[in-house]
Amino acid sequence: MPLIIEWEGYKFFFYKSEVLFEPAHVHVKGHGGNMKIWLADCKEARPLSNSIPKHKKTKILTYVKDNLTLFQQAWKDAEKDAGIKN
């Protein structure tokens, strides 16, 4: 589970095995909640109704958009480590 970055008490990460069978995304966990964000469109996957408050989700999604290159590079590095050609 590579930790990409921690921001405002939220950890941004993904599971190494996921690069083999899922599109690029990042998991976010913190303050008792969690969410998953697709990197292709910076939208939440499988919204969880009572996980992270909506105003915090909006802030997190903006953070991911603003730092998209960081998250995409971490995913590409994991693909490379898994032997996937880009």
N, C-alpha and C. Protein backbone atom coordinates (compact mmCIF):
# COMPACT_ATOMS: atom_id res chain seq x y z
N MET A 1 0.84 -1.17 0.00
CA MET A 1 0.00 0.00 0.00
C MET A 1 0.89 1.24 0.00
N PRO A 2 1.29 1.69 -1.17
CA PRO A 2 2.14 2.88 -1.22
C PRO A 2 1.39 4.14 -0.79
N LEU A 3 1.92 4.80 0.21
CA LEU A 3 1.37 6.08 0.63
C LEU A 3 1.96 7.15 -0.28
N ILE A 4 1.09 7.86 -0.98
CA ILE A 4 1.55 8.88 -1.91
C ILE A 4 1.84 10.17 -1.17
N ILE A 5 0.89 10.59 -0.36
CA ILE A 5 1.05 11.83 0.40
C ILE A 5 0.01 11.86 1.52
N GLU A 6 0.30 12.64 2.54
CA GLU A 6 -0.67 12.90 3.60
C GLU A 6 -0.93 14.40 3.60
N TRP A 7 -2.21 14.77 3.64
CA TRP A 7 -2.60 16.17 3.55
C TRP A 7 -3.81 16.41 4.44
N GLU A 8 -3.69 17.37 5.32
CA GLU A 8 -4.77 17.75 6.23
C GLU A 8 -5.40 16.56 6.95
N GLY A 9 -4.56 15.62 7.33
CA GLY A 9 -5.03 14.45 8.07
C GLY A 9 -5.59 13.34 7.21
N TYR A 10 -5.52 13.48 5.89
CA TYR A 10 -5.98 12.44 4.97
C TYR A 10 -4.78 11.78 4.32
N LYS A 11 -4.81 10.46 4.24
CA LYS A 11 -3.77 9.70 3.56
C LYS A 11 -4.26 9.34 2.17
N PHE A 12 -3.41 9.57 1.18
CA PHE A 12 -3.71 9.27 -0.21
C PHE A 12 -2.83 8.09 -0.62
N PHE A 13 -3.45 7.01 -1.07
CA PHE A 13 -2.70 5.78 -1.35
C PHE A 13 -3.46 4.93 -2.36
N PHE A 14 -2.83 3.85 -2.79
CA PHE A 14 -3.51 2.81 -3.56
C PHE A 14 -2.85 1.49 -3.19
N TYR A 15 -3.48 0.40 -3.58
CA TYR A 15 -2.94 -0.92 -3.33
C TYR A 15 -2.18 -1.37 -4.57
N LYS A 16 -0.97 -1.85 -4.38
CA LYS A 16 -0.12 -2.24 -5.52
C LYS A 16 -0.80 -3.22 -6.45
N SER A 17 -1.55 -4.15 -5.92
CA SER A 17 -2.19 -5.16 -6.77
C SER A 17 -3.25 -4.55 -7.69
N GLU A 18 -3.77 -3.39 -7.33
CA GLU A 18 -4.83 -2.79 -8.13
C GLU A 18 -4.35 -2.30 -9.49
N VAL A 19 -3.06 -2.02 -9.63
CA VAL A 19 -2.56 -1.54 -10.93
C VAL A 19 -2.71 -2.61 -12.00
N LEU A 20 -2.88 -3.85 -11.60
CA LEU A 20 -3.01 -4.95 -12.55
C LEU A 20 -4.42 -5.08 -13.13
N PHE A 21 -5.43 -4.57 -12.42
CA PHE A 21 -6.80 -4.84 -12.87
C PHE A 21 -7.78 -3.67 -12.75
N GLU A 22 -7.32 -2.50 -12.33
CA GLU A 22 -8.22 -1.36 -12.22
C GLU A 22 -7.62 -0.14 -12.89
N PRO A 23 -8.47 0.77 -13.36
CA PRO A 23 -7.97 2.04 -13.89
C PRO A 23 -7.29 2.86 -12.78
N ALA A 24 -6.48 3.82 -13.18
CA ALA A 24 -5.75 4.64 -12.21
C ALA A 24 -6.71 5.35 -11.26
N HIS A 25 -6.39 5.26 -9.98
CA HIS A 25 -7.21 5.88 -8.95
C HIS A 25 -6.38 6.05 -7.68
N VAL A 26 -6.96 6.71 -6.72
CA VAL A 26 -6.33 6.89 -5.42
C VAL A 26 -7.39 6.71 -4.34
N HIS A 27 -6.99 6.08 -3.25
CA HIS A 27 -7.85 5.96 -2.07
C HIS A 27 -7.49 7.09 -1.13
N VAL A 28 -8.48 7.59 -0.42
CA VAL A 28 -8.28 8.64 0.57
C VAL A 28 -8.90 8.17 1.87
N LYS A 29 -8.12 8.25 2.95
CA LYS A 29 -8.61 7.78 4.24
C LYS A 29 -8.17 8.75 5.32
N GLY A 30 -9.11 9.09 6.19
CA GLY A 30 -8.77 9.96 7.31
C GLY A 30 -10.01 10.51 7.98
N HIS A 31 -9.84 10.95 9.22
CA HIS A 31 -10.93 11.54 10.00
C HIS A 31 -12.16 10.63 10.02
N GLY A 32 -11.93 9.32 10.06
CA GLY A 32 -13.03 8.36 10.17
C GLY A 32 -13.76 8.06 8.88
N GLY A 33 -13.27 8.55 7.76
CA GLY A 33 -13.95 8.30 6.50
C GLY A 33 -12.98 7.89 5.41
N ASN A 34 -13.54 7.50 4.27
CA ASN A 34 -12.70 7.13 3.15
C ASN A 34 -13.45 7.35 1.85
N MET A 35 -12.67 7.45 0.78
CA MET A 35 -13.25 7.59 -0.55
C MET A 35 -12.23 7.11 -1.57
N LYS A 36 -12.70 6.88 -2.78
CA LYS A 36 -11.85 6.44 -3.89
C LYS A 36 -12.10 7.40 -5.04
N ILE A 37 -11.01 7.86 -5.67
CA ILE A 37 -11.12 8.85 -6.73
C ILE A 37 -10.45 8.33 -7.99
N TRP A 38 -11.19 8.33 -9.10
CA TRP A 38 -10.62 7.97 -10.40
C TRP A 38 -9.75 9.12 -10.88
N LEU A 39 -8.56 8.83 -11.34
CA LEU A 39 -7.65 9.88 -11.78
C LEU A 39 -7.99 10.40 -13.18
N ALA A 40 -8.66 9.60 -13.99
CA ALA A 40 -8.99 10.02 -15.36
C ALA A 40 -9.90 11.25 -15.38
N ASP A 41 -10.84 11.30 -14.45
CA ASP A 41 -11.77 12.43 -14.43
C ASP A 41 -11.87 13.12 -13.07
N CYS A 42 -11.06 12.67 -12.12
CA CYS A 42 -11.06 13.24 -10.76
C CYS A 42 -12.46 13.24 -10.15
N LYS A 43 -13.15 12.12 -10.30
CA LYS A 43 -14.47 11.96 -9.71
C LYS A 43 -14.45 10.80 -8.73
N GLU A 44 -15.32 10.88 -7.76
CA GLU A 44 -15.39 9.84 -6.75
C GLU A 44 -16.00 8.56 -7.32
N ALA A 45 -15.39 7.46 -7.00
CA ALA A 45 -15.93 6.15 -7.37
C ALA A 45 -16.77 5.64 -6.19
N ARG A 46 -17.85 4.98 -6.51
CA ARG A 46 -18.70 4.40 -5.46
C ARG A 46 -18.89 5.33 -4.27
N PRO A 47 -19.57 6.44 -4.45
CA PRO A 47 -19.76 7.37 -3.33
C PRO A 47 -20.32 6.68 -2.09
N LEU A 48 -19.74 6.98 -0.96
CA LEU A 48 -20.20 6.45 0.31
C LEU A 48 -20.98 7.56 1.01
N SER A 49 -22.24 7.31 1.27
CA SER A 49 -23.14 8.37 1.74
C SER A 49 -22.73 9.01 3.07
N ASN A 50 -22.20 8.26 4.00
CA ASN A 50 -21.92 8.84 5.32
C ASN A 50 -20.44 8.78 5.68
N SER A 51 -19.58 8.76 4.70
CA SER A 51 -18.17 8.60 4.96
C SER A 51 -17.48 9.94 5.27
N ILE A 52 -17.20 10.72 4.26
CA ILE A 52 -16.55 12.03 4.41
C ILE A 52 -17.61 13.08 4.06
N PRO A 53 -17.72 14.13 4.88
CA PRO A 53 -18.71 15.17 4.58
C PRO A 53 -18.50 15.77 3.19
N LYS A 54 -19.60 16.16 2.56
CA LYS A 54 -19.56 16.65 1.18
C LYS A 54 -18.59 17.82 1.01
N HIS A 55 -18.58 18.77 1.93
CA HIS A 55 -17.68 19.92 1.79
C HIS A 55 -16.21 19.50 1.85
N LYS A 56 -15.92 18.45 2.61
CA LYS A 56 -14.54 17.93 2.66
C LYS A 56 -14.21 17.19 1.38
N LYS A 57 -15.18 16.43 0.84
CA LYS A 57 -14.96 15.72 -0.43
C LYS A 57 -14.63 16.71 -1.54
N THR A 58 -15.35 17.81 -1.57
CA THR A 58 -15.09 18.83 -2.59
C THR A 58 -13.67 19.36 -2.47
N LYS A 59 -13.24 19.60 -1.26
CA LYS A 59 -11.88 20.09 -1.01
C LYS A 59 -10.84 19.04 -1.42
N ILE A 60 -11.10 17.78 -1.12
CA ILE A 60 -10.19 16.69 -1.48
C ILE A 60 -10.11 16.53 -2.99
N LEU A 61 -11.26 16.56 -3.66
CA LEU A 61 -11.27 16.44 -5.12
C LEU A 61 -10.50 17.58 -5.77
N THR A 62 -10.62 18.78 -5.25
CA THR A 62 -9.86 19.92 -5.76
C THR A 62 -8.37 19.70 -5.54
N TYR A 63 -8.01 19.17 -4.39
CA TYR A 63 -6.60 18.88 -4.09
C TYR A 63 -6.03 17.86 -5.09
N VAL A 64 -6.80 16.83 -5.37
CA VAL A 64 -6.34 15.81 -6.33
C VAL A 64 -6.18 16.44 -7.71
N LYS A 65 -7.13 17.24 -8.14
CA LYS A 65 -7.03 17.92 -9.44
C LYS A 65 -5.79 18.80 -9.51
N ASP A 66 -5.56 19.54 -8.44
CA ASP A 66 -4.42 20.46 -8.40
C ASP A 66 -3.07 19.74 -8.36
N ASN A 67 -3.07 18.49 -7.93
CA ASN A 67 -1.84 17.71 -7.81
C ASN A 67 -1.90 16.43 -8.64
N LEU A 68 -2.66 16.47 -9.70
CA LEU A 68 -2.91 15.28 -10.51
C LEU A 68 -1.62 14.63 -11.01
N THR A 69 -0.65 15.42 -11.41
CA THR A 69 0.61 14.86 -11.91
C THR A 69 1.28 13.98 -10.87
N LEU A 70 1.26 14.39 -9.62
CA LEU A 70 1.84 13.60 -8.53
C LEU A 70 1.18 12.23 -8.44
N PHE A 71 -0.15 12.21 -8.47
CA PHE A 71 -0.88 10.95 -8.34
C PHE A 71 -0.72 10.07 -9.57
N GLN A 72 -0.74 10.68 -10.76
CA GLN A 72 -0.55 9.91 -11.99
C GLN A 72 0.85 9.30 -12.04
N GLN A 73 1.85 10.04 -11.60
CA GLN A 73 3.22 9.52 -11.62
C GLN A 73 3.38 8.35 -10.64
N ALA A 74 2.77 8.46 -9.48
CA ALA A 74 2.83 7.36 -8.51
C ALA A 74 2.20 6.10 -9.10
N TRP A 75 1.09 6.25 -9.81
CA TRP A 75 0.42 5.11 -10.44
C TRP A 75 1.31 4.51 -11.53
N LYS A 76 1.89 5.39 -12.37
CA LYS A 76 2.77 4.91 -13.45
C LYS A 76 3.98 4.18 -12.88
N ASP A 77 4.54 4.69 -11.80
CA ASP A 77 5.68 4.03 -11.16
C ASP A 77 5.29 2.64 -10.66
N ALA A 78 4.08 2.51 -10.12
CA ALA A 78 3.61 1.21 -9.64
C ALA A 78 3.39 0.25 -10.82
N GLU A 79 2.88 0.78 -11.93
CA GLU A 79 2.72 -0.05 -13.13
C GLU A 79 4.07 -0.56 -13.61
N LYS A 80 5.05 0.32 -13.62
CA LYS A 80 6.40 -0.05 -14.04
C LYS A 80 6.96 -1.15 -13.13
N ASP A 81 6.79 -0.98 -11.82
CA ASP A 81 7.25 -1.98 -10.86
C ASP A 81 6.55 -3.32 -11.06
N ALA A 82 5.30 -3.27 -11.54
CA ALA A 82 4.53 -4.51 -11.77
C ALA A 82 4.82 -5.11 -13.14
N GLY A 83 5.65 -4.44 -13.93
CA GLY A 83 6.01 -4.95 -15.25
C GLY A 83 5.02 -4.60 -16.33
N ILE A 84 4.17 -3.63 -16.10
CA ILE A 84 3.18 -3.19 -17.09
C ILE A 84 3.83 -2.12 -17.95
N LYS A 85 3.73 -2.27 -19.25
CA LYS A 85 4.31 -1.29 -20.16
C LYS A 85 3.31 -0.17 -20.40
N ASN A 86 3.79 1.07 -20.33
CA ASN A 86 2.92 2.24 -20.56
C ASN A 86 2.99 2.68 -22.00
